[in-house]
Amino acid sequence: MRKFIPVREAFARWEKDPEFVAAYDALEEEFALASALIDARANAKMTQEQVAEAMGTTQAAIARLEGGKIPPSTRTLKRFAEATNTRLRIHFEPLPKPAVKPAAKSA
């Protein structure tokens, strides 16, 4: 008897549920920011504690930042970039154009 379900298996089931997909997509920006913060710290070969010390904050604050629960200020992101010896770049990208539906034929 199995005591747990592997994440890949669970996700494979969840991604078939339209409500799950919509909720997941709605969080895309939060996931992207959290991932970017974690990647910057990992590439700097730093622990959360080391980043916290460089920023003059606590490890718990860095964990919350990387957890994506609270959107950080631009000032905080700049401090994180300085602590991890990276450069903060913010950009906008166009949304995909909606599909054009063919006009309905009249009888």
PDB file of N, CA and C in Angstrom:
ATOM      1  N   MET A   1       0.835  -1.180   0.000  1.00  0.00           N
ATOM      2  CA  MET A   1       0.000   0.000   0.000  1.00  0.00           C
ATOM      3  C   MET A   1       0.881   1.245   0.000  1.00  0.00           C
ATOM      4  N   ARG A   2       0.578   2.175  -0.899  1.00  0.00           N
ATOM      5  CA  ARG A   2       1.335   3.406  -1.060  1.00  0.00           C
ATOM      6  C   ARG A   2       0.867   4.448  -0.044  1.00  0.00           C
ATOM      7  N   LYS A   3       1.801   5.149   0.591  1.00  0.00           N
ATOM      8  CA  LYS A   3       1.444   6.134   1.604  1.00  0.00           C
ATOM      9  C   LYS A   3       1.362   7.553   1.054  1.00  0.00           C
ATOM     10  N   PHE A   4       1.900   7.761  -0.140  1.00  0.00           N
ATOM     11  CA  PHE A   4       1.880   9.101  -0.718  1.00  0.00           C
ATOM     12  C   PHE A   4       1.730   8.996  -2.234  1.00  0.00           C
ATOM     13  N   ILE A   5       1.339  10.111  -2.838  1.00  0.00           N
ATOM     14  CA  ILE A   5       1.213  10.186  -4.297  1.00  0.00           C
ATOM     15  C   ILE A   5       2.340  11.091  -4.786  1.00  0.00           C
ATOM     16  N   PRO A   6       3.152  10.625  -5.726  1.00  0.00           N
ATOM     17  CA  PRO A   6       4.223  11.477  -6.251  1.00  0.00           C
ATOM     18  C   PRO A   6       3.642  12.767  -6.845  1.00  0.00           C
ATOM     19  N   VAL A   7       4.375  13.869  -6.698  1.00  0.00           N
ATOM     20  CA  VAL A   7       3.912  15.171  -7.170  1.00  0.00           C
ATOM     21  C   VAL A   7       3.577  15.129  -8.654  1.00  0.00           C
ATOM     22  N   ARG A   8       4.408  14.504  -9.457  1.00  0.00           N
ATOM     23  CA  ARG A   8       4.140  14.452 -10.904  1.00  0.00           C
ATOM     24  C   ARG A   8       2.808  13.771 -11.206  1.00  0.00           C
ATOM     25  N   GLU A   9       2.541  12.709 -10.479  1.00  0.00           N
ATOM     26  CA  GLU A   9       1.285  11.981 -10.684  1.00  0.00           C
ATOM     27  C   GLU A   9       0.090  12.841 -10.270  1.00  0.00           C
ATOM     28  N   ALA A  10       0.210  13.513  -9.146  1.00  0.00           N
ATOM     29  CA  ALA A  10      -0.876  14.379  -8.676  1.00  0.00           C
ATOM     30  C   ALA A  10      -1.094  15.525  -9.659  1.00  0.00           C
ATOM     31  N   PHE A  11      -0.017  16.158 -10.115  1.00  0.00           N
ATOM     32  CA  PHE A  11      -0.136  17.265 -11.052  1.00  0.00           C
ATOM     33  C   PHE A  11      -0.760  16.804 -12.364  1.00  0.00           C
ATOM     34  N   ALA A  12      -0.409  15.608 -12.816  1.00  0.00           N
ATOM     35  CA  ALA A  12      -0.981  15.075 -14.066  1.00  0.00           C
ATOM     36  C   ALA A  12      -2.498  14.976 -13.948  1.00  0.00           C
ATOM     37  N   ARG A  13      -2.978  14.625 -12.773  1.00  0.00           N
ATOM     38  CA  ARG A  13      -4.437  14.568 -12.554  1.00  0.00           C
ATOM     39  C   ARG A  13      -5.027  15.966 -12.487  1.00  0.00           C
ATOM     40  N   TRP A  14      -4.372  16.834 -11.726  1.00  0.00           N
ATOM     41  CA  TRP A  14      -4.899  18.184 -11.511  1.00  0.00           C
ATOM     42  C   TRP A  14      -4.971  18.983 -12.801  1.00  0.00           C
ATOM     43  N   GLU A  15      -3.960  18.819 -13.680  1.00  0.00           N
ATOM     44  CA  GLU A  15      -3.930  19.646 -14.883  1.00  0.00           C
ATOM     45  C   GLU A  15      -5.048  19.303 -15.865  1.00  0.00           C
ATOM     46  N   LYS A  16      -5.787  18.239 -15.597  1.00  0.00           N
ATOM     47  CA  LYS A  16      -6.951  17.893 -16.417  1.00  0.00           C
ATOM     48  C   LYS A  16      -8.214  18.610 -15.936  1.00  0.00           C
ATOM     49  N   ASP A  17      -8.126  19.244 -14.768  1.00  0.00           N
ATOM     50  CA  ASP A  17      -9.263  19.941 -14.172  1.00  0.00           C
ATOM     51  C   ASP A  17      -9.220  21.417 -14.588  1.00  0.00           C
ATOM     52  N   PRO A  18     -10.212  21.896 -15.365  1.00  0.00           N
ATOM     53  CA  PRO A  18     -10.195  23.288 -15.835  1.00  0.00           C
ATOM     54  C   PRO A  18     -10.151  24.321 -14.700  1.00  0.00           C
ATOM     55  N   GLU A  19     -10.779  24.032 -13.572  1.00  0.00           N
ATOM     56  CA  GLU A  19     -10.741  24.966 -12.447  1.00  0.00           C
ATOM     57  C   GLU A  19      -9.331  25.068 -11.868  1.00  0.00           C
ATOM     58  N   PHE A  20      -8.640  23.930 -11.783  1.00  0.00           N
ATOM     59  CA  PHE A  20      -7.265  23.936 -11.293  1.00  0.00           C
ATOM     60  C   PHE A  20      -6.381  24.732 -12.252  1.00  0.00           C
ATOM     61  N   VAL A  21      -6.517  24.492 -13.545  1.00  0.00           N
ATOM     62  CA  VAL A  21      -5.698  25.170 -14.552  1.00  0.00           C
ATOM     63  C   VAL A  21      -5.919  26.686 -14.474  1.00  0.00           C
ATOM     64  N   ALA A  22      -7.167  27.119 -14.337  1.00  0.00           N
ATOM     65  CA  ALA A  22      -7.471  28.550 -14.248  1.00  0.00           C
ATOM     66  C   ALA A  22      -6.832  29.158 -12.997  1.00  0.00           C
ATOM     67  N   ALA A  23      -6.935  28.469 -11.869  1.00  0.00           N
ATOM     68  CA  ALA A  23      -6.349  28.967 -10.618  1.00  0.00           C
ATOM     69  C   ALA A  23      -4.822  28.997 -10.718  1.00  0.00           C
ATOM     70  N   TYR A  24      -4.240  27.973 -11.303  1.00  0.00           N
ATOM     71  CA  TYR A  24      -2.786  27.899 -11.471  1.00  0.00           C
ATOM     72  C   TYR A  24      -2.300  29.030 -12.366  1.00  0.00           C
ATOM     73  N   ASP A  25      -3.006  29.263 -13.474  1.00  0.00           N
ATOM     74  CA  ASP A  25      -2.629  30.329 -14.399  1.00  0.00           C
ATOM     75  C   ASP A  25      -2.732  31.707 -13.746  1.00  0.00           C
ATOM     76  N   ALA A  26      -3.730  31.875 -12.881  1.00  0.00           N
ATOM     77  CA  ALA A  26      -3.911  33.153 -12.195  1.00  0.00           C
ATOM     78  C   ALA A  26      -2.727  33.476 -11.286  1.00  0.00           C
ATOM     79  N   LEU A  27      -2.016  32.463 -10.838  1.00  0.00           N
ATOM     80  CA  LEU A  27      -0.871  32.658  -9.944  1.00  0.00           C
ATOM     81  C   LEU A  27       0.471  32.675 -10.678  1.00  0.00           C
ATOM     82  N   GLU A  28       0.435  32.661 -11.995  1.00  0.00           N
ATOM     83  CA  GLU A  28       1.662  32.555 -12.782  1.00  0.00           C
ATOM     84  C   GLU A  28       2.695  33.625 -12.426  1.00  0.00           C
ATOM     85  N   GLU A  29       2.265  34.891 -12.291  1.00  0.00           N
ATOM     86  CA  GLU A  29       3.216  35.957 -11.975  1.00  0.00           C
ATOM     87  C   GLU A  29       3.859  35.746 -10.607  1.00  0.00           C
ATOM     88  N   GLU A  30       3.050  35.312  -9.631  1.00  0.00           N
ATOM     89  CA  GLU A  30       3.607  35.066  -8.297  1.00  0.00           C
ATOM     90  C   GLU A  30       4.636  33.945  -8.345  1.00  0.00           C
ATOM     91  N   PHE A  31       4.335  32.879  -9.070  1.00  0.00           N
ATOM     92  CA  PHE A  31       5.277  31.769  -9.186  1.00  0.00           C
ATOM     93  C   PHE A  31       6.551  32.221  -9.892  1.00  0.00           C
ATOM     94  N   ALA A  32       6.401  33.046 -10.923  1.00  0.00           N
ATOM     95  CA  ALA A  32       7.566  33.504 -11.686  1.00  0.00           C
ATOM     96  C   ALA A  32       8.483  34.347 -10.804  1.00  0.00           C
ATOM     97  N   LEU A  33       7.906  35.243 -10.004  1.00  0.00           N
ATOM     98  CA  LEU A  33       8.719  36.082  -9.137  1.00  0.00           C
ATOM     99  C   LEU A  33       9.410  35.251  -8.060  1.00  0.00           C
ATOM    100  N   ALA A  34       8.667  34.359  -7.429  1.00  0.00           N
ATOM    101  CA  ALA A  34       9.256  33.492  -6.404  1.00  0.00           C
ATOM    102  C   ALA A  34      10.390  32.666  -6.996  1.00  0.00           C
ATOM    103  N   SER A  35      10.181  32.129  -8.173  1.00  0.00           N
ATOM    104  CA  SER A  35      11.203  31.324  -8.843  1.00  0.00           C
ATOM    105  C   SER A  35      12.435  32.164  -9.169  1.00  0.00           C
ATOM    106  N   ALA A  36      12.228  33.398  -9.622  1.00  0.00           N
ATOM    107  CA  ALA A  36      13.354  34.276  -9.948  1.00  0.00           C
ATOM    108  C   ALA A  36      14.173  34.604  -8.709  1.00  0.00           C
ATOM    109  N   LEU A  37      13.495  34.840  -7.587  1.00  0.00           N
ATOM    110  CA  LEU A  37      14.209  35.128  -6.342  1.00  0.00           C
ATOM    111  C   LEU A  37      15.030  33.918  -5.893  1.00  0.00           C
ATOM    112  N   ILE A  38      14.419  32.766  -5.937  1.00  0.00           N
ATOM    113  CA  ILE A  38      15.118  31.537  -5.526  1.00  0.00           C
ATOM    114  C   ILE A  38      16.295  31.261  -6.453  1.00  0.00           C
ATOM    115  N   ASP A  39      16.096  31.456  -7.764  1.00  0.00           N
ATOM    116  CA  ASP A  39      17.182  31.240  -8.729  1.00  0.00           C
ATOM    117  C   ASP A  39      18.345  32.201  -8.477  1.00  0.00           C
ATOM    118  N   ALA A  40      18.029  33.478  -8.215  1.00  0.00           N
ATOM    119  CA  ALA A  40      19.090  34.467  -7.966  1.00  0.00           C
ATOM    120  C   ALA A  40      19.907  34.072  -6.739  1.00  0.00           C
ATOM    121  N   ARG A  41      19.212  33.658  -5.686  1.00  0.00           N
ATOM    122  CA  ARG A  41      19.923  33.257  -4.467  1.00  0.00           C
ATOM    123  C   ARG A  41      20.752  32.002  -4.705  1.00  0.00           C
ATOM    124  N   ALA A  42      20.173  31.022  -5.406  1.00  0.00           N
ATOM    125  CA  ALA A  42      20.886  29.769  -5.682  1.00  0.00           C
ATOM    126  C   ALA A  42      22.111  30.023  -6.564  1.00  0.00           C
ATOM    127  N   ASN A  43      21.956  30.875  -7.583  1.00  0.00           N
ATOM    128  CA  ASN A  43      23.082  31.183  -8.467  1.00  0.00           C
ATOM    129  C   ASN A  43      24.194  31.927  -7.724  1.00  0.00           C
ATOM    130  N   ALA A  44      23.808  32.677  -6.700  1.00  0.00           N
ATOM    131  CA  ALA A  44      24.803  33.368  -5.869  1.00  0.00           C
ATOM    132  C   ALA A  44      25.417  32.430  -4.832  1.00  0.00           C
ATOM    133  N   LYS A  45      24.900  31.187  -4.792  1.00  0.00           N
ATOM    134  CA  LYS A  45      25.366  30.180  -3.835  1.00  0.00           C
ATOM    135  C   LYS A  45      25.242  30.697  -2.399  1.00  0.00           C
ATOM    136  N   MET A  46      24.065  31.283  -2.120  1.00  0.00           N
ATOM    137  CA  MET A  46      23.803  31.849  -0.800  1.00  0.00           C
ATOM    138  C   MET A  46      22.616  31.151  -0.158  1.00  0.00           C
ATOM    139  N   THR A  47      22.638  31.100   1.150  1.00  0.00           N
ATOM    140  CA  THR A  47      21.491  30.593   1.902  1.00  0.00           C
ATOM    141  C   THR A  47      20.546  31.766   2.172  1.00  0.00           C
ATOM    142  N   GLN A  48      19.343  31.434   2.616  1.00  0.00           N
ATOM    143  CA  GLN A  48      18.415  32.491   3.006  1.00  0.00           C
ATOM    144  C   GLN A  48      19.018  33.336   4.137  1.00  0.00           C
ATOM    145  N   GLU A  49      19.709  32.689   5.045  1.00  0.00           N
ATOM    146  CA  GLU A  49      20.337  33.400   6.155  1.00  0.00           C
ATOM    147  C   GLU A  49      21.375  34.402   5.654  1.00  0.00           C
ATOM    148  N   GLN A  50      22.180  33.993   4.675  1.00  0.00           N
ATOM    149  CA  GLN A  50      23.210  34.881   4.139  1.00  0.00           C
ATOM    150  C   GLN A  50      22.598  36.082   3.416  1.00  0.00           C
ATOM    151  N   VAL A  51      21.529  35.846   2.651  1.00  0.00           N
ATOM    152  CA  VAL A  51      20.859  36.954   1.966  1.00  0.00           C
ATOM    153  C   VAL A  51      20.249  37.891   3.001  1.00  0.00           C
ATOM    154  N   ALA A  52      19.630  37.317   4.015  1.00  0.00           N
ATOM    155  CA  ALA A  52      19.023  38.127   5.070  1.00  0.00           C
ATOM    156  C   ALA A  52      20.064  39.026   5.743  1.00  0.00           C
ATOM    157  N   GLU A  53      21.214  38.452   6.045  1.00  0.00           N
ATOM    158  CA  GLU A  53      22.274  39.232   6.686  1.00  0.00           C
ATOM    159  C   GLU A  53      22.728  40.369   5.777  1.00  0.00           C
ATOM    160  N   ALA A  54      22.895  40.086   4.487  1.00  0.00           N
ATOM    161  CA  ALA A  54      23.321  41.110   3.530  1.00  0.00           C
ATOM    162  C   ALA A  54      22.273  42.210   3.364  1.00  0.00           C
ATOM    163  N   MET A  55      21.001  41.860   3.564  1.00  0.00           N
ATOM    164  CA  MET A  55      19.915  42.837   3.421  1.00  0.00           C
ATOM    165  C   MET A  55      19.572  43.515   4.743  1.00  0.00           C
ATOM    166  N   GLY A  56      20.113  43.014   5.849  1.00  0.00           N
ATOM    167  CA  GLY A  56      19.783  43.577   7.154  1.00  0.00           C
ATOM    168  C   GLY A  56      18.384  43.196   7.605  1.00  0.00           C
ATOM    169  N   THR A  57      18.003  41.960   7.312  1.00  0.00           N
ATOM    170  CA  THR A  57      16.682  41.473   7.705  1.00  0.00           C
ATOM    171  C   THR A  57      16.823  40.069   8.280  1.00  0.00           C
ATOM    172  N   THR A  58      15.716  39.357   8.378  1.00  0.00           N
ATOM    173  CA  THR A  58      15.745  38.014   8.962  1.00  0.00           C
ATOM    174  C   THR A  58      15.567  36.936   7.897  1.00  0.00           C
ATOM    175  N   GLN A  59      15.970  35.729   8.236  1.00  0.00           N
ATOM    176  CA  GLN A  59      15.790  34.585   7.340  1.00  0.00           C
ATOM    177  C   GLN A  59      14.303  34.369   7.087  1.00  0.00           C
ATOM    178  N   ALA A  60      13.475  34.580   8.102  1.00  0.00           N
ATOM    179  CA  ALA A  60      12.028  34.399   7.943  1.00  0.00           C
ATOM    180  C   ALA A  60      11.467  35.369   6.898  1.00  0.00           C
ATOM    181  N   ALA A  61      11.996  36.591   6.873  1.00  0.00           N
ATOM    182  CA  ALA A  61      11.545  37.570   5.874  1.00  0.00           C
ATOM    183  C   ALA A  61      11.910  37.112   4.465  1.00  0.00           C
ATOM    184  N   ILE A  62      13.095  36.537   4.308  1.00  0.00           N
ATOM    185  CA  ILE A  62      13.522  36.033   2.995  1.00  0.00           C
ATOM    186  C   ILE A  62      12.653  34.843   2.600  1.00  0.00           C
ATOM    187  N   ALA A  63      12.334  33.978   3.532  1.00  0.00           N
ATOM    188  CA  ALA A  63      11.466  32.830   3.254  1.00  0.00           C
ATOM    189  C   ALA A  63      10.084  33.310   2.796  1.00  0.00           C
ATOM    190  N   ARG A  64       9.543  34.327   3.450  1.00  0.00           N
ATOM    191  CA  ARG A  64       8.243  34.881   3.039  1.00  0.00           C
ATOM    192  C   ARG A  64       8.335  35.489   1.646  1.00  0.00           C
ATOM    193  N   LEU A  65       9.436  36.184   1.380  1.00  0.00           N
ATOM    194  CA  LEU A  65       9.660  36.802   0.069  1.00  0.00           C
ATOM    195  C   LEU A  65       9.687  35.733  -1.018  1.00  0.00           C
ATOM    196  N   GLU A  66      10.452  34.676  -0.777  1.00  0.00           N
ATOM    197  CA  GLU A  66      10.566  33.591  -1.757  1.00  0.00           C
ATOM    198  C   GLU A  66       9.299  32.749  -1.829  1.00  0.00           C
ATOM    199  N   GLY A  67       8.481  32.793  -0.786  1.00  0.00           N
ATOM    200  CA  GLY A  67       7.234  32.038  -0.779  1.00  0.00           C
ATOM    201  C   GLY A  67       6.155  32.662  -1.645  1.00  0.00           C
ATOM    202  N   GLY A  68       6.330  33.931  -2.001  1.00  0.00           N
ATOM    203  CA  GLY A  68       5.398  34.588  -2.904  1.00  0.00           C
ATOM    204  C   GLY A  68       4.064  34.978  -2.289  1.00  0.00           C
ATOM    205  N   LYS A  69       3.943  34.924  -0.967  1.00  0.00           N
ATOM    206  CA  LYS A  69       2.667  35.243  -0.321  1.00  0.00           C
ATOM    207  C   LYS A  69       2.378  36.742  -0.343  1.00  0.00           C
ATOM    208  N   ILE A  70       3.427  37.550  -0.195  1.00  0.00           N
ATOM    209  CA  ILE A  70       3.259  38.999  -0.129  1.00  0.00           C
ATOM    210  C   ILE A  70       4.071  39.625  -1.259  1.00  0.00           C
ATOM    211  N   PRO A  71       3.447  40.463  -2.085  1.00  0.00           N
ATOM    212  CA  PRO A  71       4.215  41.084  -3.177  1.00  0.00           C
ATOM    213  C   PRO A  71       5.231  42.086  -2.619  1.00  0.00           C
ATOM    214  N   PRO A  72       6.500  41.933  -2.974  1.00  0.00           N
ATOM    215  CA  PRO A  72       7.531  42.827  -2.448  1.00  0.00           C
ATOM    216  C   PRO A  72       7.514  44.183  -3.151  1.00  0.00           C
ATOM    217  N   SER A  73       8.037  45.193  -2.480  1.00  0.00           N
ATOM    218  CA  SER A  73       8.196  46.509  -3.098  1.00  0.00           C
ATOM    219  C   SER A  73       9.392  46.476  -4.044  1.00  0.00           C
ATOM    220  N   THR A  74       9.450  47.445  -4.920  1.00  0.00           N
ATOM    221  CA  THR A  74      10.603  47.557  -5.825  1.00  0.00           C
ATOM    222  C   THR A  74      11.870  47.782  -5.009  1.00  0.00           C
ATOM    223  N   ARG A  75      11.770  48.541  -3.939  1.00  0.00           N
ATOM    224  CA  ARG A  75      12.932  48.782  -3.069  1.00  0.00           C
ATOM    225  C   ARG A  75      13.461  47.473  -2.494  1.00  0.00           C
ATOM    226  N   THR A  76      12.565  46.607  -2.041  1.00  0.00           N
ATOM    227  CA  THR A  76      12.977  45.311  -1.487  1.00  0.00           C
ATOM    228  C   THR A  76      13.632  44.459  -2.565  1.00  0.00           C
ATOM    229  N   LEU A  77      13.065  44.456  -3.760  1.00  0.00           N
ATOM    230  CA  LEU A  77      13.661  43.684  -4.858  1.00  0.00           C
ATOM    231  C   LEU A  77      15.053  44.197  -5.202  1.00  0.00           C
ATOM    232  N   LYS A  78      15.244  45.519  -5.160  1.00  0.00           N
ATOM    233  CA  LYS A  78      16.574  46.090  -5.424  1.00  0.00           C
ATOM    234  C   LYS A  78      17.569  45.650  -4.352  1.00  0.00           C
ATOM    235  N   ARG A  79      17.136  45.664  -3.095  1.00  0.00           N
ATOM    236  CA  ARG A  79      18.007  45.223  -2.005  1.00  0.00           C
ATOM    237  C   ARG A  79      18.365  43.747  -2.158  1.00  0.00           C
ATOM    238  N   PHE A  80      17.387  42.927  -2.567  1.00  0.00           N
ATOM    239  CA  PHE A  80      17.637  41.502  -2.793  1.00  0.00           C
ATOM    240  C   PHE A  80      18.652  41.331  -3.929  1.00  0.00           C
ATOM    241  N   ALA A  81      18.481  42.100  -4.999  1.00  0.00           N
ATOM    242  CA  ALA A  81      19.415  42.029  -6.128  1.00  0.00           C
ATOM    243  C   ALA A  81      20.837  42.389  -5.680  1.00  0.00           C
ATOM    244  N   GLU A  82      20.963  43.464  -4.913  1.00  0.00           N
ATOM    245  CA  GLU A  82      22.291  43.862  -4.420  1.00  0.00           C
ATOM    246  C   GLU A  82      22.895  42.770  -3.542  1.00  0.00           C
ATOM    247  N   ALA A  83      22.078  42.170  -2.679  1.00  0.00           N
ATOM    248  CA  ALA A  83      22.558  41.126  -1.769  1.00  0.00           C
ATOM    249  C   ALA A  83      23.035  39.896  -2.529  1.00  0.00           C
ATOM    250  N   THR A  84      22.402  39.601  -3.659  1.00  0.00           N
ATOM    251  CA  THR A  84      22.759  38.408  -4.444  1.00  0.00           C
ATOM    252  C   THR A  84      23.673  38.739  -5.624  1.00  0.00           C
ATOM    253  N   ASN A  85      24.173  39.990  -5.642  1.00  0.00           N
ATOM    254  CA  ASN A  85      25.070  40.441  -6.713  1.00  0.00           C
ATOM    255  C   ASN A  85      24.447  40.220  -8.100  1.00  0.00           C
ATOM    256  N   THR A  86      23.183  40.620  -8.204  1.00  0.00           N
ATOM    257  CA  THR A  86      22.462  40.538  -9.476  1.00  0.00           C
ATOM    258  C   THR A  86      21.890  41.913  -9.780  1.00  0.00           C
ATOM    259  N   ARG A  87      21.322  42.041 -10.972  1.00  0.00           N
ATOM    260  CA  ARG A  87      20.699  43.293 -11.381  1.00  0.00           C
ATOM    261  C   ARG A  87      19.212  43.059 -11.554  1.00  0.00           C
ATOM    262  N   LEU A  88      18.422  43.938 -10.986  1.00  0.00           N
ATOM    263  CA  LEU A  88      16.968  43.852 -11.115  1.00  0.00           C
ATOM    264  C   LEU A  88      16.557  44.434 -12.454  1.00  0.00           C
ATOM    265  N   ARG A  89      15.802  43.637 -13.215  1.00  0.00           N
ATOM    266  CA  ARG A  89      15.267  44.081 -14.510  1.00  0.00           C
ATOM    267  C   ARG A  89      13.777  43.808 -14.501  1.00  0.00           C
ATOM    268  N   ILE A  90      12.993  44.838 -14.770  1.00  0.00           N
ATOM    269  CA  ILE A  90      11.546  44.688 -14.847  1.00  0.00           C
ATOM    270  C   ILE A  90      11.139  45.053 -16.266  1.00  0.00           C
ATOM    271  N   HIS A  91      10.301  44.227 -16.871  1.00  0.00           N
ATOM    272  CA  HIS A  91       9.853  44.547 -18.219  1.00  0.00           C
ATOM    273  C   HIS A  91       8.386  44.168 -18.400  1.00  0.00           C
ATOM    274  N   PHE A  92       7.783  44.765 -19.390  1.00  0.00           N
ATOM    275  CA  PHE A  92       6.404  44.459 -19.738  1.00  0.00           C
ATOM    276  C   PHE A  92       6.412  43.699 -21.039  1.00  0.00           C
ATOM    277  N   GLU A  93       5.489  42.769 -21.180  1.00  0.00           N
ATOM    278  CA  GLU A  93       5.380  42.044 -22.433  1.00  0.00           C
ATOM    279  C   GLU A  93       3.922  42.044 -22.870  1.00  0.00           C
ATOM    280  N   PRO A  94       3.696  42.125 -24.176  1.00  0.00           N
ATOM    281  CA  PRO A  94       2.313  42.183 -24.663  1.00  0.00           C
ATOM    282  C   PRO A  94       1.579  40.874 -24.401  1.00  0.00           C
ATOM    283  N   LEU A  95       0.302  41.025 -24.148  1.00  0.00           N
ATOM    284  CA  LEU A  95      -0.551  39.847 -23.996  1.00  0.00           C
ATOM    285  C   LEU A  95      -0.826  39.255 -25.371  1.00  0.00           C
ATOM    286  N   PRO A  96      -1.081  37.950 -25.420  1.00  0.00           N
ATOM    287  CA  PRO A  96      -1.433  37.367 -26.715  1.00  0.00           C
ATOM    288  C   PRO A  96      -2.751  37.966 -27.204  1.00  0.00           C
ATOM    289  N   LYS A  97      -2.837  38.145 -28.503  1.00  0.00           N
ATOM    290  CA  LYS A  97      -4.069  38.688 -29.073  1.00  0.00           C
ATOM    291  C   LYS A  97      -5.156  37.622 -29.005  1.00  0.00           C
ATOM    292  N   PRO A  98      -6.376  38.036 -28.634  1.00  0.00           N
ATOM    293  CA  PRO A  98      -7.455  37.058 -28.585  1.00  0.00           C
ATOM    294  C   PRO A  98      -7.775  36.527 -29.982  1.00  0.00           C
ATOM    295  N   ALA A  99      -8.174  35.288 -30.021  1.00  0.00           N
ATOM    296  CA  ALA A  99      -8.538  34.675 -31.299  1.00  0.00           C
ATOM    297  C   ALA A  99      -9.754  35.385 -31.862  1.00  0.00           C
ATOM    298  N   VAL A 100      -9.737  35.628 -33.142  1.00  0.00           N
ATOM    299  CA  VAL A 100     -10.857  36.292 -33.808  1.00  0.00           C
ATOM    300  C   VAL A 100     -11.842  35.220 -34.243  1.00  0.00           C
ATOM    301  N   LYS A 101     -13.081  35.383 -33.785  1.00  0.00           N
ATOM    302  CA  LYS A 101     -14.116  34.420 -34.154  1.00  0.00           C
ATOM    303  C   LYS A 101     -14.699  34.814 -35.506  1.00  0.00           C
ATOM    304  N   PRO A 102     -14.950  33.832 -36.368  1.00  0.00           N
ATOM    305  CA  PRO A 102     -15.552  34.170 -37.670  1.00  0.00           C
ATOM    306  C   PRO A 102     -16.953  34.720 -37.453  1.00  0.00           C
ATOM    307  N   ALA A 103     -17.323  35.662 -38.310  1.00  0.00           N
ATOM    308  CA  ALA A 103     -18.652  36.279 -38.216  1.00  0.00           C
ATOM    309  C   ALA A 103     -19.733  35.216 -38.463  1.00  0.00           C
ATOM    310  N   ALA A 104     -20.815  35.341 -37.722  1.00  0.00           N
ATOM    311  CA  ALA A 104     -21.941  34.411 -37.901  1.00  0.00           C
ATOM    312  C   ALA A 104     -22.620  34.696 -39.236  1.00  0.00           C
ATOM    313  N   LYS A 105     -23.011  33.634 -39.927  1.00  0.00           N
ATOM    314  CA  LYS A 105     -23.706  33.779 -41.219  1.00  0.00           C
ATOM    315  C   LYS A 105     -25.165  34.037 -40.958  1.00  0.00           C
ATOM    316  N   SER A 106     -25.734  34.982 -41.689  1.00  0.00           N
ATOM    317  CA  SER A 106     -27.169  35.236 -41.542  1.00  0.00           C
ATOM    318  C   SER A 106     -27.938  34.468 -42.595  1.00  0.00           C
ATOM    319  N   ALA A 107     -29.149  34.060 -42.249  1.00  0.00           N
ATOM    320  CA  ALA A 107     -29.936  33.247 -43.178  1.00  0.00           C
ATOM    321  C   ALA A 107     -30.707  34.062 -44.142  1.00  0.00           C
TER     322      ALA A 107
END
